[in-house]
Every structure is written in structure tokens, then in C-alpha cells.
């Protein structure tokens, strides 16, 4: 079964709609379409306790590492670069037959 299409892409600016990070904005670092989750820059920070690893690849330090965890894409909304508001997106075909994303609020193209 193919994964469903996701309304956001990497390097988009999004706003969090629900959860402990509600109202904060950030840039999308990566997307996992199978799980419908996205990693947002400097949001949803978690702590991981890691062991010291020694081996042929060199040594890796242990300790407490802070990193971004993923957020469900249903809790994210794309921020339109033109009207600077959270908005829904739609698809439209250009004269050349190329498919582009548009902002439903201001009908402007989203790069």
C-alpha cells in the first residue's frame, strides 16, 4: 500500500496546532510519509541517554543528548509566505501542465 500524500514538504515553515508546542513555528527538517510524521527545527526537544561506544568507527561520547522528535503532520499547518498566516493548501496545474501548491486563503503560489 502506498503512503498517503502529505501537505507539507521539507524546508517549509509550519505552525504547530496542538500539543505542548502549540503556537510555535519552525522549519521542517525531515518527513516520514509512512508514519505521517515530521521533524521540526528546535521544536519537540527530547533527551536521549546514550552509552559510550568504542569500536572500529572511533569513539562516541555518552551522556544526555537533546534532539528533535517527530510531530504528527495532522498537528501542523503550513504558513503561507505571502500572507504570513497558517493556511490550507490546494493543488493547481499551470499552463505548462506542472502541478503547483497554492494557498487557499490568498490563492498565491507556494514555492
PDB file of N, CA and C in Angstrom:
ATOM      1  N   UNK A   1       0.836  -1.178   0.000  1.00  0.00           N
ATOM      2  CA  UNK A   1       0.000   0.000   0.000  1.00  0.00           C
ATOM      3  C   UNK A   1       0.887   1.249   0.000  1.00  0.00           C
ATOM      4  N   UNK A   2       0.579   2.194  -0.861  1.00  0.00           N
ATOM      5  CA  UNK A   2       1.362   3.419  -0.954  1.00  0.00           C
ATOM      6  C   UNK A   2       1.023   4.367   0.183  1.00  0.00           C
ATOM      7  N   UNK A   3       2.027   5.113   0.671  1.00  0.00           N
ATOM      8  CA  UNK A   3       1.731   6.101   1.714  1.00  0.00           C
ATOM      9  C   UNK A   3       0.917   7.261   1.150  1.00  0.00           C
ATOM     10  N   UNK A   4       0.077   7.861   1.998  1.00  0.00           N
ATOM     11  CA  UNK A   4      -0.745   8.989   1.564  1.00  0.00           C
ATOM     12  C   UNK A   4       0.120  10.220   1.339  1.00  0.00           C
ATOM     13  N   UNK A   5      -0.381  11.121   0.505  1.00  0.00           N
ATOM     14  CA  UNK A   5       0.317  12.378   0.256  1.00  0.00           C
ATOM     15  C   UNK A   5       0.252  13.253   1.505  1.00  0.00           C
ATOM     16  N   UNK A   6       1.315  14.012   1.728  1.00  0.00           N
ATOM     17  CA  UNK A   6       1.389  14.900   2.885  1.00  0.00           C
ATOM     18  C   UNK A   6       1.403  16.331   2.378  1.00  0.00           C
ATOM     19  N   UNK A   7       0.687  17.221   3.061  1.00  0.00           N
ATOM     20  CA  UNK A   7       0.511  18.597   2.603  1.00  0.00           C
ATOM     21  C   UNK A   7       1.706  19.495   2.867  1.00  0.00           C
ATOM     22  N   UNK A   8       2.732  19.001   3.576  1.00  0.00           N
ATOM     23  CA  UNK A   8       3.925  19.806   3.819  1.00  0.00           C
ATOM     24  C   UNK A   8       5.138  19.107   3.227  1.00  0.00           C
ATOM     25  N   UNK A   9       6.178  19.890   2.958  1.00  0.00           N
ATOM     26  CA  UNK A   9       7.414  19.361   2.399  1.00  0.00           C
ATOM     27  C   UNK A   9       8.589  19.851   3.240  1.00  0.00           C
ATOM     28  N   UNK A  10       9.758  19.296   2.964  1.00  0.00           N
ATOM     29  CA  UNK A  10      10.968  19.711   3.664  1.00  0.00           C
ATOM     30  C   UNK A  10      11.259  21.179   3.345  1.00  0.00           C
ATOM     31  N   UNK A  11      11.774  21.917   4.311  1.00  0.00           N
ATOM     32  CA  UNK A  11      12.117  23.348   4.248  1.00  0.00           C
ATOM     33  C   UNK A  11      10.899  24.265   4.251  1.00  0.00           C
ATOM     34  N   UNK A  12       9.686  23.737   4.451  1.00  0.00           N
ATOM     35  CA  UNK A  12       8.508  24.584   4.629  1.00  0.00           C
ATOM     36  C   UNK A  12       8.508  25.159   6.037  1.00  0.00           C
ATOM     37  N   UNK A  13       7.889  26.323   6.212  1.00  0.00           N
ATOM     38  CA  UNK A  13       7.678  26.883   7.537  1.00  0.00           C
ATOM     39  C   UNK A  13       6.282  26.482   7.987  1.00  0.00           C
ATOM     40  N   UNK A  14       6.197  25.866   9.166  1.00  0.00           N
ATOM     41  CA  UNK A  14       4.923  25.370   9.669  1.00  0.00           C
ATOM     42  C   UNK A  14       4.658  25.908  11.065  1.00  0.00           C
ATOM     43  N   UNK A  15       3.390  25.862  11.474  1.00  0.00           N
ATOM     44  CA  UNK A  15       2.992  26.224  12.833  1.00  0.00           C
ATOM     45  C   UNK A  15       2.354  25.000  13.468  1.00  0.00           C
ATOM     46  N   UNK A  16       2.610  24.799  14.756  1.00  0.00           N
ATOM     47  CA  UNK A  16       2.063  23.654  15.479  1.00  0.00           C
ATOM     48  C   UNK A  16       0.680  24.040  15.998  1.00  0.00           C
ATOM     49  N   UNK A  17      -0.317  23.202  15.726  1.00  0.00           N
ATOM     50  CA  UNK A  17      -1.696  23.495  16.092  1.00  0.00           C
ATOM     51  C   UNK A  17      -2.107  22.884  17.430  1.00  0.00           C
ATOM     52  N   UNK A  18      -1.524  21.749  17.802  1.00  0.00           N
ATOM     53  CA  UNK A  18      -1.895  21.069  19.040  1.00  0.00           C
ATOM     54  C   UNK A  18      -0.652  20.549  19.755  1.00  0.00           C
ATOM     55  N   UNK A  19      -0.795  20.323  21.060  1.00  0.00           N
ATOM     56  CA  UNK A  19       0.281  19.723  21.839  1.00  0.00           C
ATOM     57  C   UNK A  19       1.040  20.745  22.664  1.00  0.00           C
ATOM     58  N   UNK A  20       2.129  20.295  23.263  1.00  0.00           N
ATOM     59  CA  UNK A  20       2.884  21.171  24.169  1.00  0.00           C
ATOM     60  C   UNK A  20       3.606  22.300  23.439  1.00  0.00           C
ATOM     61  N   UNK A  21       3.817  22.169  22.142  1.00  0.00           N
ATOM     62  CA  UNK A  21       4.495  23.200  21.347  1.00  0.00           C
ATOM     63  C   UNK A  21       3.502  24.071  20.569  1.00  0.00           C
ATOM     64  N   UNK A  22       2.235  24.082  20.976  1.00  0.00           N
ATOM     65  CA  UNK A  22       1.173  24.788  20.255  1.00  0.00           C
ATOM     66  C   UNK A  22       1.505  26.268  20.071  1.00  0.00           C
ATOM     67  N   UNK A  23       1.325  26.762  18.836  1.00  0.00           N
ATOM     68  CA  UNK A  23       1.552  28.165  18.523  1.00  0.00           C
ATOM     69  C   UNK A  23       2.953  28.496  18.061  1.00  0.00           C
ATOM     70  N   UNK A  24       3.889  27.562  18.179  1.00  0.00           N
ATOM     71  CA  UNK A  24       5.274  27.820  17.780  1.00  0.00           C
ATOM     72  C   UNK A  24       5.464  27.476  16.301  1.00  0.00           C
ATOM     73  N   UNK A  25       6.370  28.203  15.666  1.00  0.00           N
ATOM     74  CA  UNK A  25       6.660  27.956  14.257  1.00  0.00           C
ATOM     75  C   UNK A  25       8.090  27.469  14.099  1.00  0.00           C
ATOM     76  N   UNK A  26       8.335  26.758  13.003  1.00  0.00           N
ATOM     77  CA  UNK A  26       9.670  26.257  12.728  1.00  0.00           C
ATOM     78  C   UNK A  26       9.757  25.718  11.313  1.00  0.00           C
ATOM     79  N   UNK A  27      10.977  25.375  10.929  1.00  0.00           N
ATOM     80  CA  UNK A  27      11.251  24.862   9.585  1.00  0.00           C
ATOM     81  C   UNK A  27      11.263  23.334   9.620  1.00  0.00           C
ATOM     82  N   UNK A  28      10.680  22.701   8.617  1.00  0.00           N
ATOM     83  CA  UNK A  28      10.628  21.245   8.537  1.00  0.00           C
ATOM     84  C   UNK A  28      12.001  20.718   8.127  1.00  0.00           C
ATOM     85  N   UNK A  29      12.560  19.828   8.959  1.00  0.00           N
ATOM     86  CA  UNK A  29      13.866  19.236   8.667  1.00  0.00           C
ATOM     87  C   UNK A  29      13.737  17.940   7.870  1.00  0.00           C
ATOM     88  N   UNK A  30      12.763  17.106   8.236  1.00  0.00           N
ATOM     89  CA  UNK A  30      12.559  15.849   7.514  1.00  0.00           C
ATOM     90  C   UNK A  30      11.115  15.389   7.665  1.00  0.00           C
ATOM     91  N   UNK A  31      10.709  14.507   6.739  1.00  0.00           N
ATOM     92  CA  UNK A  31       9.344  13.993   6.705  1.00  0.00           C
ATOM     93  C   UNK A  31       9.410  12.471   6.627  1.00  0.00           C
ATOM     94  N   UNK A  32       8.533  11.788   7.348  1.00  0.00           N
ATOM     95  CA  UNK A  32       8.383  10.342   7.243  1.00  0.00           C
ATOM     96  C   UNK A  32       6.967  10.060   6.737  1.00  0.00           C
ATOM     97  N   UNK A  33       6.785   9.855   5.412  1.00  0.00           N
ATOM     98  CA  UNK A  33       5.436   9.704   4.873  1.00  0.00           C
ATOM     99  C   UNK A  33       4.735   8.411   5.302  1.00  0.00           C
ATOM    100  N   UNK A  34       5.489   7.359   5.615  1.00  0.00           N
ATOM    101  CA  UNK A  34       4.865   6.108   6.047  1.00  0.00           C
ATOM    102  C   UNK A  34       4.166   6.273   7.393  1.00  0.00           C
ATOM    103  N   UNK A  35       4.783   7.032   8.297  1.00  0.00           N
ATOM    104  CA  UNK A  35       4.213   7.243   9.626  1.00  0.00           C
ATOM    105  C   UNK A  35       3.464   8.561   9.750  1.00  0.00           C
ATOM    106  N   UNK A  36       3.466   9.376   8.687  1.00  0.00           N
ATOM    107  CA  UNK A  36       2.822  10.698   8.656  1.00  0.00           C
ATOM    108  C   UNK A  36       3.346  11.589   9.775  1.00  0.00           C
ATOM    109  N   UNK A  37       4.676  11.667   9.885  1.00  0.00           N
ATOM    110  CA  UNK A  37       5.308  12.468  10.929  1.00  0.00           C
ATOM    111  C   UNK A  37       6.384  13.351  10.318  1.00  0.00           C
ATOM    112  N   UNK A  38       6.675  14.476  11.003  1.00  0.00           N
ATOM    113  CA  UNK A  38       7.681  15.422  10.526  1.00  0.00           C
ATOM    114  C   UNK A  38       8.544  15.877  11.699  1.00  0.00           C
ATOM    115  N   UNK A  39       9.810  16.164  11.421  1.00  0.00           N
ATOM    116  CA  UNK A  39      10.733  16.700  12.419  1.00  0.00           C
ATOM    117  C   UNK A  39      10.882  18.197  12.139  1.00  0.00           C
ATOM    118  N   UNK A  40      10.603  19.015  13.166  1.00  0.00           N
ATOM    119  CA  UNK A  40      10.637  20.465  13.045  1.00  0.00           C
ATOM    120  C   UNK A  40      11.844  20.994  13.805  1.00  0.00           C
ATOM    121  N   UNK A  41      12.539  21.967  13.209  1.00  0.00           N
ATOM    122  CA  UNK A  41      13.756  22.532  13.783  1.00  0.00           C
ATOM    123  C   UNK A  41      13.466  23.217  15.124  1.00  0.00           C
ATOM    124  N   UNK A  42      14.199  22.801  16.170  1.00  0.00           N
ATOM    125  CA  UNK A  42      14.152  23.371  17.523  1.00  0.00           C
ATOM    126  C   UNK A  42      12.792  23.248  18.198  1.00  0.00           C
ATOM    127  N   UNK A  43      11.973  22.274  17.799  1.00  0.00           N
ATOM    128  CA  UNK A  43      10.685  22.025  18.452  1.00  0.00           C
ATOM    129  C   UNK A  43      10.596  20.563  18.866  1.00  0.00           C
ATOM    130  N   UNK A  44       9.810  20.294  19.910  1.00  0.00           N
ATOM    131  CA  UNK A  44       9.587  18.950  20.441  1.00  0.00           C
ATOM    132  C   UNK A  44      10.917  18.293  20.826  1.00  0.00           C
ATOM    133  N   UNK A  45      11.703  18.985  21.640  1.00  0.00           N
ATOM    134  CA  UNK A  45      13.026  18.515  22.062  1.00  0.00           C
ATOM    135  C   UNK A  45      12.865  17.403  23.104  1.00  0.00           C
ATOM    136  N   UNK A  46      13.577  16.287  22.874  1.00  0.00           N
ATOM    137  CA  UNK A  46      13.586  15.182  23.822  1.00  0.00           C
ATOM    138  C   UNK A  46      15.020  14.925  24.253  1.00  0.00           C
ATOM    139  N   UNK A  47      15.181  14.175  25.356  1.00  0.00           N
ATOM    140  CA  UNK A  47      16.509  13.818  25.843  1.00  0.00           C
ATOM    141  C   UNK A  47      16.714  12.326  25.690  1.00  0.00           C
ATOM    142  N   UNK A  48      17.856  11.947  25.163  1.00  0.00           N
ATOM    143  CA  UNK A  48      18.221  10.547  24.996  1.00  0.00           C
ATOM    144  C   UNK A  48      19.485  10.285  25.801  1.00  0.00           C
ATOM    145  N   UNK A  49      19.448   9.235  26.608  1.00  0.00           N
ATOM    146  CA  UNK A  49      20.610   8.834  27.381  1.00  0.00           C
ATOM    147  C   UNK A  49      21.376   7.807  26.563  1.00  0.00           C
ATOM    148  N   UNK A  50      22.633   8.124  26.212  1.00  0.00           N
ATOM    149  CA  UNK A  50      23.418   7.248  25.357  1.00  0.00           C
ATOM    150  C   UNK A  50      24.641   6.725  26.082  1.00  0.00           C
ATOM    151  N   UNK A  51      25.042   5.528  25.702  1.00  0.00           N
ATOM    152  CA  UNK A  51      26.243   4.919  26.263  1.00  0.00           C
ATOM    153  C   UNK A  51      27.460   5.325  25.450  1.00  0.00           C
ATOM    154  N   UNK A  52      28.614   5.184  26.062  1.00  0.00           N
ATOM    155  CA  UNK A  52      29.865   5.415  25.341  1.00  0.00           C
ATOM    156  C   UNK A  52      30.097   4.209  24.439  1.00  0.00           C
ATOM    157  N   UNK A  53      30.378   4.470  23.153  1.00  0.00           N
ATOM    158  CA  UNK A  53      30.632   3.378  22.210  1.00  0.00           C
ATOM    159  C   UNK A  53      32.067   3.470  21.723  1.00  0.00           C
ATOM    160  N   UNK A  54      32.746   2.351  21.824  1.00  0.00           N
ATOM    161  CA  UNK A  54      34.113   2.277  21.322  1.00  0.00           C
ATOM    162  C   UNK A  54      34.155   1.157  20.294  1.00  0.00           C
ATOM    163  N   UNK A  55      34.822   1.413  19.194  1.00  0.00           N
ATOM    164  CA  UNK A  55      34.899   0.380  18.161  1.00  0.00           C
ATOM    165  C   UNK A  55      35.766   0.836  17.016  1.00  0.00           C
ATOM    166  N   UNK A  56      35.574   0.169  15.860  1.00  0.00           N
ATOM    167  CA  UNK A  56      36.405   0.481  14.697  1.00  0.00           C
ATOM    168  C   UNK A  56      36.057   1.825  14.083  1.00  0.00           C
ATOM    169  N   UNK A  57      34.877   2.356  14.331  1.00  0.00           N
ATOM    170  CA  UNK A  57      34.483   3.647  13.769  1.00  0.00           C
ATOM    171  C   UNK A  57      34.901   4.834  14.634  1.00  0.00           C
ATOM    172  N   UNK A  58      35.672   4.589  15.641  1.00  0.00           N
ATOM    173  CA  UNK A  58      36.057   5.661  16.547  1.00  0.00           C
ATOM    174  C   UNK A  58      35.202   5.599  17.787  1.00  0.00           C
ATOM    175  N   UNK A  59      35.363   6.550  18.658  1.00  0.00           N
ATOM    176  CA  UNK A  59      34.593   6.528  19.893  1.00  0.00           C
ATOM    177  C   UNK A  59      33.499   7.583  19.848  1.00  0.00           C
ATOM    178  N   UNK A  60      32.370   7.226  20.426  1.00  0.00           N
ATOM    179  CA  UNK A  60      31.249   8.150  20.510  1.00  0.00           C
ATOM    180  C   UNK A  60      31.019   8.460  21.982  1.00  0.00           C
ATOM    181  N   UNK A  61      30.865   9.743  22.264  1.00  0.00           N
ATOM    182  CA  UNK A  61      30.676  10.142  23.653  1.00  0.00           C
ATOM    183  C   UNK A  61      29.315   9.728  24.164  1.00  0.00           C
ATOM    184  N   UNK A  62      29.259   9.417  25.430  1.00  0.00           N
ATOM    185  CA  UNK A  62      27.998   9.088  26.071  1.00  0.00           C
ATOM    186  C   UNK A  62      27.477  10.293  26.816  1.00  0.00           C
ATOM    187  N   UNK A  63      26.305  10.149  27.393  1.00  0.00           N
ATOM    188  CA  UNK A  63      25.715  11.233  28.156  1.00  0.00           C
ATOM    189  C   UNK A  63      24.296  11.504  27.716  1.00  0.00           C
ATOM    190  N   UNK A  64      23.787  12.652  28.077  1.00  0.00           N
ATOM    191  CA  UNK A  64      22.423  13.027  27.743  1.00  0.00           C
ATOM    192  C   UNK A  64      22.456  13.900  26.490  1.00  0.00           C
ATOM    193  N   UNK A  65      21.798  13.444  25.438  1.00  0.00           N
ATOM    194  CA  UNK A  65      21.770  14.141  24.152  1.00  0.00           C
ATOM    195  C   UNK A  65      20.361  14.689  23.927  1.00  0.00           C
ATOM    196  N   UNK A  66      20.271  15.973  23.601  1.00  0.00           N
ATOM    197  CA  UNK A  66      18.977  16.571  23.279  1.00  0.00           C
ATOM    198  C   UNK A  66      18.818  16.624  21.765  1.00  0.00           C
ATOM    199  N   UNK A  67      17.657  16.183  21.273  1.00  0.00           N
ATOM    200  CA  UNK A  67      17.398  16.211  19.837  1.00  0.00           C
ATOM    201  C   UNK A  67      15.911  16.416  19.588  1.00  0.00           C
ATOM    202  N   UNK A  68      15.576  16.720  18.323  1.00  0.00           N
ATOM    203  CA  UNK A  68      14.187  16.950  17.955  1.00  0.00           C
ATOM    204  C   UNK A  68      13.488  15.622  17.722  1.00  0.00           C
ATOM    205  N   UNK A  69      12.267  15.502  18.236  1.00  0.00           N
ATOM    206  CA  UNK A  69      11.444  14.325  17.967  1.00  0.00           C
ATOM    207  C   UNK A  69      10.403  14.700  16.923  1.00  0.00           C
ATOM    208  N   UNK A  70       9.791  13.695  16.342  1.00  0.00           N
ATOM    209  CA  UNK A  70       8.825  13.947  15.274  1.00  0.00           C
ATOM    210  C   UNK A  70       7.465  14.350  15.842  1.00  0.00           C
ATOM    211  N   UNK A  71       6.701  15.062  15.013  1.00  0.00           N
ATOM    212  CA  UNK A  71       5.345  15.512  15.342  1.00  0.00           C
ATOM    213  C   UNK A  71       4.438  15.010  14.220  1.00  0.00           C
ATOM    214  N   UNK A  72       3.230  14.605  14.562  1.00  0.00           N
ATOM    215  CA  UNK A  72       2.280  14.157  13.561  1.00  0.00           C
ATOM    216  C   UNK A  72       1.934  15.309  12.616  1.00  0.00           C
ATOM    217  N   UNK A  73       1.851  15.010  11.325  1.00  0.00           N
ATOM    218  CA  UNK A  73       1.570  16.062  10.347  1.00  0.00           C
ATOM    219  C   UNK A  73       0.150  16.596  10.464  1.00  0.00           C
ATOM    220  N   UNK A  74      -0.747  15.865  11.135  1.00  0.00           N
ATOM    221  CA  UNK A  74      -2.104  16.373  11.335  1.00  0.00           C
ATOM    222  C   UNK A  74      -2.123  17.522  12.338  1.00  0.00           C
ATOM    223  N   UNK A  75      -1.064  17.664  13.122  1.00  0.00           N
ATOM    224  CA  UNK A  75      -0.963  18.750  14.100  1.00  0.00           C
ATOM    225  C   UNK A  75      -0.193  19.948  13.569  1.00  0.00           C
ATOM    226  N   UNK A  76       0.129  19.951  12.277  1.00  0.00           N
ATOM    227  CA  UNK A  76       0.911  21.022  11.669  1.00  0.00           C
ATOM    228  C   UNK A  76       0.106  21.716  10.580  1.00  0.00           C
ATOM    229  N   UNK A  77       0.354  23.005  10.420  1.00  0.00           N
ATOM    230  CA  UNK A  77      -0.265  23.758   9.344  1.00  0.00           C
ATOM    231  C   UNK A  77       0.811  24.595   8.660  1.00  0.00           C
ATOM    232  N   UNK A  78       0.764  24.642   7.346  1.00  0.00           N
ATOM    233  CA  UNK A  78       1.731  25.392   6.558  1.00  0.00           C
ATOM    234  C   UNK A  78       1.501  26.889   6.723  1.00  0.00           C
ATOM    235  N   UNK A  79       2.573  27.654   6.922  1.00  0.00           N
ATOM    236  CA  UNK A  79       2.484  29.108   6.990  1.00  0.00           C
ATOM    237  C   UNK A  79       2.768  29.647   5.596  1.00  0.00           C
ATOM    238  N   UNK A  80       1.802  30.360   5.038  1.00  0.00           N
ATOM    239  CA  UNK A  80       1.939  30.911   3.690  1.00  0.00           C
ATOM    240  C   UNK A  80       2.985  32.027   3.711  1.00  0.00           C
ATOM    241  N   UNK A  81       3.970  31.996   2.807  1.00  0.00           N
ATOM    242  CA  UNK A  81       4.991  33.047   2.796  1.00  0.00           C
ATOM    243  C   UNK A  81       4.443  34.403   2.346  1.00  0.00           C
ATOM    244  N   UNK A  82       3.344  34.428   1.593  1.00  0.00           N
ATOM    245  CA  UNK A  82       2.790  35.697   1.103  1.00  0.00           C
ATOM    246  C   UNK A  82       1.932  36.388   2.156  1.00  0.00           C
ATOM    247  N   UNK A  83       0.919  35.664   2.690  1.00  0.00           N
ATOM    248  CA  UNK A  83       0.008  36.297   3.655  1.00  0.00           C
ATOM    249  C   UNK A  83       0.454  36.085   5.096  1.00  0.00           C
ATOM    250  N   UNK A  84       1.498  35.286   5.331  1.00  0.00           N
ATOM    251  CA  UNK A  84       2.117  35.073   6.639  1.00  0.00           C
ATOM    252  C   UNK A  84       1.113  34.580   7.686  1.00  0.00           C
ATOM    253  N   UNK A  85       0.198  33.702   7.263  1.00  0.00           N
ATOM    254  CA  UNK A  85      -0.778  33.103   8.170  1.00  0.00           C
ATOM    255  C   UNK A  85      -0.797  31.594   7.939  1.00  0.00           C
ATOM    256  N   UNK A  86      -1.233  30.826   8.948  1.00  0.00           N
ATOM    257  CA  UNK A  86      -1.417  29.398   8.710  1.00  0.00           C
ATOM    258  C   UNK A  86      -2.552  29.204   7.710  1.00  0.00           C
ATOM    259  N   UNK A  87      -2.343  28.346   6.740  1.00  0.00           N
ATOM    260  CA  UNK A  87      -3.365  28.191   5.712  1.00  0.00           C
ATOM    261  C   UNK A  87      -3.401  26.763   5.202  1.00  0.00           C
ATOM    262  N   UNK A  88      -4.535  26.405   4.613  1.00  0.00           N
ATOM    263  CA  UNK A  88      -4.660  25.121   3.952  1.00  0.00           C
ATOM    264  C   UNK A  88      -4.064  25.253   2.557  1.00  0.00           C
ATOM    265  N   UNK A  89      -3.706  24.118   1.991  1.00  0.00           N
ATOM    266  CA  UNK A  89      -3.099  24.149   0.670  1.00  0.00           C
ATOM    267  C   UNK A  89      -3.964  23.400  -0.323  1.00  0.00           C
ATOM    268  N   UNK A  90      -3.830  23.775  -1.571  1.00  0.00           N
ATOM    269  CA  UNK A  90      -4.503  23.095  -2.663  1.00  0.00           C
ATOM    270  C   UNK A  90      -3.527  22.913  -3.804  1.00  0.00           C
ATOM    271  N   UNK A  91      -3.921  22.149  -4.793  1.00  0.00           N
ATOM    272  CA  UNK A  91      -3.080  21.917  -5.956  1.00  0.00           C
ATOM    273  C   UNK A  91      -3.726  22.526  -7.190  1.00  0.00           C
ATOM    274  N   UNK A  92      -2.896  23.029  -8.084  1.00  0.00           N
ATOM    275  CA  UNK A  92      -3.378  23.628  -9.318  1.00  0.00           C
ATOM    276  C   UNK A  92      -2.373  23.303 -10.414  1.00  0.00           C
ATOM    277  N   UNK A  93      -2.864  23.153 -11.631  1.00  0.00           N
ATOM    278  CA  UNK A  93      -1.973  22.900 -12.761  1.00  0.00           C
ATOM    279  C   UNK A  93      -1.734  24.200 -13.506  1.00  0.00           C
ATOM    280  N   UNK A  94      -0.479  24.421 -13.902  1.00  0.00           N
ATOM    281  CA  UNK A  94      -0.124  25.604 -14.677  1.00  0.00           C
ATOM    282  C   UNK A  94      -0.401  25.350 -16.160  1.00  0.00           C
ATOM    283  N   UNK A  95      -0.150  26.362 -16.973  1.00  0.00           N
ATOM    284  CA  UNK A  95      -0.362  26.228 -18.411  1.00  0.00           C
ATOM    285  C   UNK A  95       0.563  25.173 -19.017  1.00  0.00           C
ATOM    286  N   UNK A  96       1.761  25.005 -18.422  1.00  0.00           N
ATOM    287  CA  UNK A  96       2.712  24.018 -18.919  1.00  0.00           C
ATOM    288  C   UNK A  96       2.368  22.605 -18.470  1.00  0.00           C
ATOM    289  N   UNK A  97       1.367  22.470 -17.615  1.00  0.00           N
ATOM    290  CA  UNK A  97       0.977  21.161 -17.103  1.00  0.00           C
ATOM    291  C   UNK A  97       1.680  20.774 -15.821  1.00  0.00           C
ATOM    292  N   UNK A  98       2.418  21.696 -15.225  1.00  0.00           N
ATOM    293  CA  UNK A  98       3.136  21.438 -13.981  1.00  0.00           C
ATOM    294  C   UNK A  98       2.185  21.635 -12.796  1.00  0.00           C
ATOM    295  N   UNK A  99       2.279  20.755 -11.812  1.00  0.00           N
ATOM    296  CA  UNK A  99       1.418  20.812 -10.634  1.00  0.00           C
ATOM    297  C   UNK A  99       2.089  21.673  -9.564  1.00  0.00           C
ATOM    298  N   UNK A 100       1.371  22.663  -9.033  1.00  0.00           N
ATOM    299  CA  UNK A 100       1.929  23.543  -8.001  1.00  0.00           C
ATOM    300  C   UNK A 100       0.991  23.578  -6.804  1.00  0.00           C
ATOM    301  N   UNK A 101       1.545  23.964  -5.647  1.00  0.00           N
ATOM    302  CA  UNK A 101       0.732  24.146  -4.438  1.00  0.00           C
ATOM    303  C   UNK A 101       0.302  25.600  -4.349  1.00  0.00           C
ATOM    304  N   UNK A 102      -0.938  25.816  -3.901  1.00  0.00           N
ATOM    305  CA  UNK A 102      -1.426  27.181  -3.718  1.00  0.00           C
ATOM    306  C   UNK A 102      -1.988  27.316  -2.306  1.00  0.00           C
ATOM    307  N   UNK A 103      -1.979  28.554  -1.818  1.00  0.00           N
ATOM    308  CA  UNK A 103      -2.567  28.889  -0.520  1.00  0.00           C
ATOM    309  C   UNK A 103      -4.060  29.098  -0.736  1.00  0.00           C
ATOM    310  N   UNK A 104      -4.892  28.443   0.069  1.00  0.00           N
ATOM    311  CA  UNK A 104      -6.353  28.559  -0.070  1.00  0.00           C
ATOM    312  C   UNK A 104      -6.845  29.932   0.388  1.00  0.00           C
ATOM    313  N   UNK A 105      -6.084  30.614   1.258  1.00  0.00           N
ATOM    314  CA  UNK A 105      -6.527  31.908   1.775  1.00  0.00           C
ATOM    315  C   UNK A 105      -6.308  33.040   0.770  1.00  0.00           C
ATOM    316  N   UNK A 106      -5.122  33.095   0.147  1.00  0.00           N
ATOM    317  CA  UNK A 106      -4.802  34.212  -0.746  1.00  0.00           C
ATOM    318  C   UNK A 106      -4.627  33.777  -2.201  1.00  0.00           C
ATOM    319  N   UNK A 107      -4.796  32.489  -2.516  1.00  0.00           N
ATOM    320  CA  UNK A 107      -4.653  31.951  -3.883  1.00  0.00           C
ATOM    321  C   UNK A 107      -3.293  32.225  -4.513  1.00  0.00           C
ATOM    322  N   UNK A 108      -2.256  32.390  -3.723  1.00  0.00           N
ATOM    323  CA  UNK A 108      -0.902  32.609  -4.229  1.00  0.00           C
ATOM    324  C   UNK A 108      -0.146  31.283  -4.289  1.00  0.00           C
ATOM    325  N   UNK A 109       0.816  31.194  -5.202  1.00  0.00           N
ATOM    326  CA  UNK A 109       1.636  30.008  -5.348  1.00  0.00           C
ATOM    327  C   UNK A 109       2.614  29.884  -4.176  1.00  0.00           C
ATOM    328  N   UNK A 110       2.811  28.645  -3.708  1.00  0.00           N
ATOM    329  CA  UNK A 110       3.791  28.364  -2.648  1.00  0.00           C
ATOM    330  C   UNK A 110       4.950  27.645  -3.308  1.00  0.00           C
ATOM    331  N   UNK A 111       6.181  28.170  -3.132  1.00  0.00           N
ATOM    332  CA  UNK A 111       7.348  27.558  -3.766  1.00  0.00           C
ATOM    333  C   UNK A 111       7.643  26.223  -3.138  1.00  0.00           C
TER     334      UNK A 111
END
